[in-house]
Amino acid sequence: MNVFESIMTGLNEAVEYEKGNLTAKKTTITVEPLPEISAEDIKNIRNEIGLTQSMFAAVIGVSVKTVEAWEAGTNRPIGPARRMISLIQFNPDILKVCHVIN
């Protein structure tokens, strides 16, 4: 099937779906809320996987100062950083599987 045929097939399927002649495949997911992570948790997670603050900062994508502030309790990770830290806490091997660390 060439590109034109593929696009036409998709458009025809969309029209048939809109008319009620086709059903769409649905997937339902539940996203857990971001967990609370304490300064002590961050330090313990980092130490358990054997990373320095500098290495941990590089993995998470933040500055060393940010990791220092998290561990001192003066700042707290938000959004994506919290999610990443919780994923690392749940499964430290994720860093190896994703080739973040060797």
C-alpha atoms as a PDB file:
ATOM      1  CA  MET A   1       0.000   0.000   0.000  1.00  0.00           C
ATOM      2  CA  ASN A   2       1.461   3.359  -0.984  1.00  0.00           C
ATOM      3  CA  VAL A   3       1.131   6.588   1.016  1.00  0.00           C
ATOM      4  CA  PHE A   4      -1.905   7.824  -0.923  1.00  0.00           C
ATOM      5  CA  GLU A   5      -3.767   4.541  -0.423  1.00  0.00           C
ATOM      6  CA  SER A   6      -2.891   4.532   3.273  1.00  0.00           C
ATOM      7  CA  ILE A   7      -4.212   8.077   3.737  1.00  0.00           C
ATOM      8  CA  MET A   8      -7.396   7.285   1.781  1.00  0.00           C
ATOM      9  CA  THR A   9      -7.967   4.146   3.853  1.00  0.00           C
ATOM     10  CA  GLY A  10      -7.614   6.170   7.041  1.00  0.00           C
ATOM     11  CA  LEU A  11      -9.975   8.872   5.777  1.00  0.00           C
ATOM     12  CA  ASN A  12     -12.562   6.318   4.681  1.00  0.00           C
ATOM     13  CA  GLU A  13     -12.358   4.616   8.084  1.00  0.00           C
ATOM     14  CA  ALA A  14     -12.842   8.009   9.782  1.00  0.00           C
ATOM     15  CA  VAL A  15     -15.952   8.679   7.698  1.00  0.00           C
ATOM     16  CA  GLU A  16     -17.369   5.216   8.467  1.00  0.00           C
ATOM     17  CA  TYR A  17     -16.636   5.720  12.179  1.00  0.00           C
ATOM     18  CA  GLU A  18     -18.427   9.080  12.112  1.00  0.00           C
ATOM     19  CA  LYS A  19     -21.443   7.456  10.447  1.00  0.00           C
ATOM     20  CA  GLY A  20     -21.505   4.831  13.212  1.00  0.00           C
ATOM     21  CA  ASN A  21     -20.512   1.956  10.948  1.00  0.00           C
ATOM     22  CA  LEU A  22     -17.176   1.307  12.686  1.00  0.00           C
ATOM     23  CA  THR A  23     -16.190   1.191  16.333  1.00  0.00           C
ATOM     24  CA  ALA A  24     -12.936   2.591  17.583  1.00  0.00           C
ATOM     25  CA  LYS A  25     -10.553   0.723  19.812  1.00  0.00           C
ATOM     26  CA  LYS A  26     -10.496   2.325  23.282  1.00  0.00           C
ATOM     27  CA  THR A  27      -7.868   2.072  25.954  1.00  0.00           C
ATOM     28  CA  THR A  28      -8.510   3.354  29.449  1.00  0.00           C
ATOM     29  CA  ILE A  29      -5.606   4.177  31.696  1.00  0.00           C
ATOM     30  CA  THR A  30      -5.372   5.502  35.202  1.00  0.00           C
ATOM     31  CA  VAL A  31      -2.516   7.827  36.081  1.00  0.00           C
ATOM     32  CA  GLU A  32      -1.541   7.746  39.716  1.00  0.00           C
ATOM     33  CA  PRO A  33      -1.207  11.145  41.396  1.00  0.00           C
ATOM     34  CA  LEU A  34       2.300  12.400  41.993  1.00  0.00           C
ATOM     35  CA  PRO A  35       3.602  10.964  45.258  1.00  0.00           C
ATOM     36  CA  GLU A  36       4.960  13.075  48.061  1.00  0.00           C
ATOM     37  CA  ILE A  37       8.738  12.752  48.225  1.00  0.00           C
ATOM     38  CA  SER A  38      10.622  14.032  51.242  1.00  0.00           C
ATOM     39  CA  ALA A  39      14.165  15.361  51.389  1.00  0.00           C
ATOM     40  CA  GLU A  40      15.184  12.178  53.185  1.00  0.00           C
ATOM     41  CA  ASP A  41      13.511  10.040  50.502  1.00  0.00           C
ATOM     42  CA  ILE A  42      15.497  11.774  47.763  1.00  0.00           C
ATOM     43  CA  LYS A  43      18.793  11.299  49.553  1.00  0.00           C
ATOM     44  CA  ASN A  44      17.992   7.649  50.298  1.00  0.00           C
ATOM     45  CA  ILE A  45      16.961   6.944  46.694  1.00  0.00           C
ATOM     46  CA  ARG A  46      20.116   8.591  45.370  1.00  0.00           C
ATOM     47  CA  ASN A  47      22.335   6.693  47.811  1.00  0.00           C
ATOM     48  CA  GLU A  48      20.606   3.362  47.156  1.00  0.00           C
ATOM     49  CA  ILE A  49      21.382   3.601  43.442  1.00  0.00           C
ATOM     50  CA  GLY A  50      24.919   4.743  44.198  1.00  0.00           C
ATOM     51  CA  LEU A  51      24.888   8.152  42.557  1.00  0.00           C
ATOM     52  CA  THR A  52      26.540  11.359  43.663  1.00  0.00           C
ATOM     53  CA  GLN A  53      24.447  14.512  43.765  1.00  0.00           C
ATOM     54  CA  SER A  54      26.099  15.557  40.513  1.00  0.00           C
ATOM     55  CA  MET A  55      25.274  12.272  38.775  1.00  0.00           C
ATOM     56  CA  PHE A  56      21.709  12.261  40.144  1.00  0.00           C
ATOM     57  CA  ALA A  57      21.230  15.827  38.906  1.00  0.00           C
ATOM     58  CA  ALA A  58      22.378  14.778  35.433  1.00  0.00           C
ATOM     59  CA  VAL A  59      19.979  11.813  35.415  1.00  0.00           C
ATOM     60  CA  ILE A  60      16.992  13.926  36.474  1.00  0.00           C
ATOM     61  CA  GLY A  61      17.989  16.858  34.257  1.00  0.00           C
ATOM     62  CA  VAL A  62      18.415  19.494  36.954  1.00  0.00           C
ATOM     63  CA  SER A  63      21.339  21.355  38.469  1.00  0.00           C
ATOM     64  CA  VAL A  64      23.426  20.059  41.367  1.00  0.00           C
ATOM     65  CA  LYS A  65      22.200  23.051  43.387  1.00  0.00           C
ATOM     66  CA  THR A  66      18.646  21.866  42.838  1.00  0.00           C
ATOM     67  CA  VAL A  67      19.437  18.383  44.176  1.00  0.00           C
ATOM     68  CA  GLU A  68      21.246  19.960  47.138  1.00  0.00           C
ATOM     69  CA  ALA A  69      18.169  22.098  47.880  1.00  0.00           C
ATOM     70  CA  TRP A  70      15.861  19.075  47.610  1.00  0.00           C
ATOM     71  CA  GLU A  71      17.987  17.059  50.009  1.00  0.00           C
ATOM     72  CA  ALA A  72      18.279  19.984  52.425  1.00  0.00           C
ATOM     73  CA  GLY A  73      14.510  20.392  52.360  1.00  0.00           C
ATOM     74  CA  THR A  74      14.639  24.019  51.208  1.00  0.00           C
ATOM     75  CA  ASN A  75      13.000  23.143  47.872  1.00  0.00           C
ATOM     76  CA  ARG A  76      10.861  20.239  46.710  1.00  0.00           C
ATOM     77  CA  PRO A  77      10.794  18.557  43.320  1.00  0.00           C
ATOM     78  CA  ILE A  78       7.726  19.299  41.230  1.00  0.00           C
ATOM     79  CA  GLY A  79       6.006  17.768  38.209  1.00  0.00           C
ATOM     80  CA  PRO A  80       8.250  15.733  35.923  1.00  0.00           C
ATOM     81  CA  ALA A  81      11.099  15.584  38.447  1.00  0.00           C
ATOM     82  CA  ARG A  82       8.787  14.129  41.093  1.00  0.00           C
ATOM     83  CA  ARG A  83       7.465  11.582  38.618  1.00  0.00           C
ATOM     84  CA  MET A  84      10.989  10.598  37.557  1.00  0.00           C
ATOM     85  CA  ILE A  85      12.167  10.244  41.146  1.00  0.00           C
ATOM     86  CA  SER A  86       9.147   8.108  42.023  1.00  0.00           C
ATOM     87  CA  LEU A  87       9.795   5.874  38.991  1.00  0.00           C
ATOM     88  CA  ILE A  88      13.420   5.480  40.049  1.00  0.00           C
ATOM     89  CA  GLN A  89      12.303   4.730  43.613  1.00  0.00           C
ATOM     90  CA  PHE A  90       9.845   2.087  42.380  1.00  0.00           C
ATOM     91  CA  ASN A  91      12.331   0.491  39.959  1.00  0.00           C
ATOM     92  CA  PRO A  92      15.959   1.676  40.089  1.00  0.00           C
ATOM     93  CA  ASP A  93      16.789  -0.606  37.144  1.00  0.00           C
ATOM     94  CA  ILE A  94      14.759   1.708  34.919  1.00  0.00           C
ATOM     95  CA  LEU A  95      17.923   3.790  34.566  1.00  0.00           C
ATOM     96  CA  LYS A  96      19.781   0.804  33.126  1.00  0.00           C
ATOM     97  CA  VAL A  97      16.909  -0.342  30.915  1.00  0.00           C
ATOM     98  CA  CYS A  98      16.617   3.160  29.442  1.00  0.00           C
ATOM     99  CA  HIS A  99      20.409   3.374  29.055  1.00  0.00           C
ATOM    100  CA  VAL A 100      20.622   6.409  31.301  1.00  0.00           C
ATOM    101  CA  ILE A 101      23.426   4.822  33.318  1.00  0.00           C
ATOM    102  CA  ASN A 102      25.708   1.856  32.609  1.00  0.00           C
END
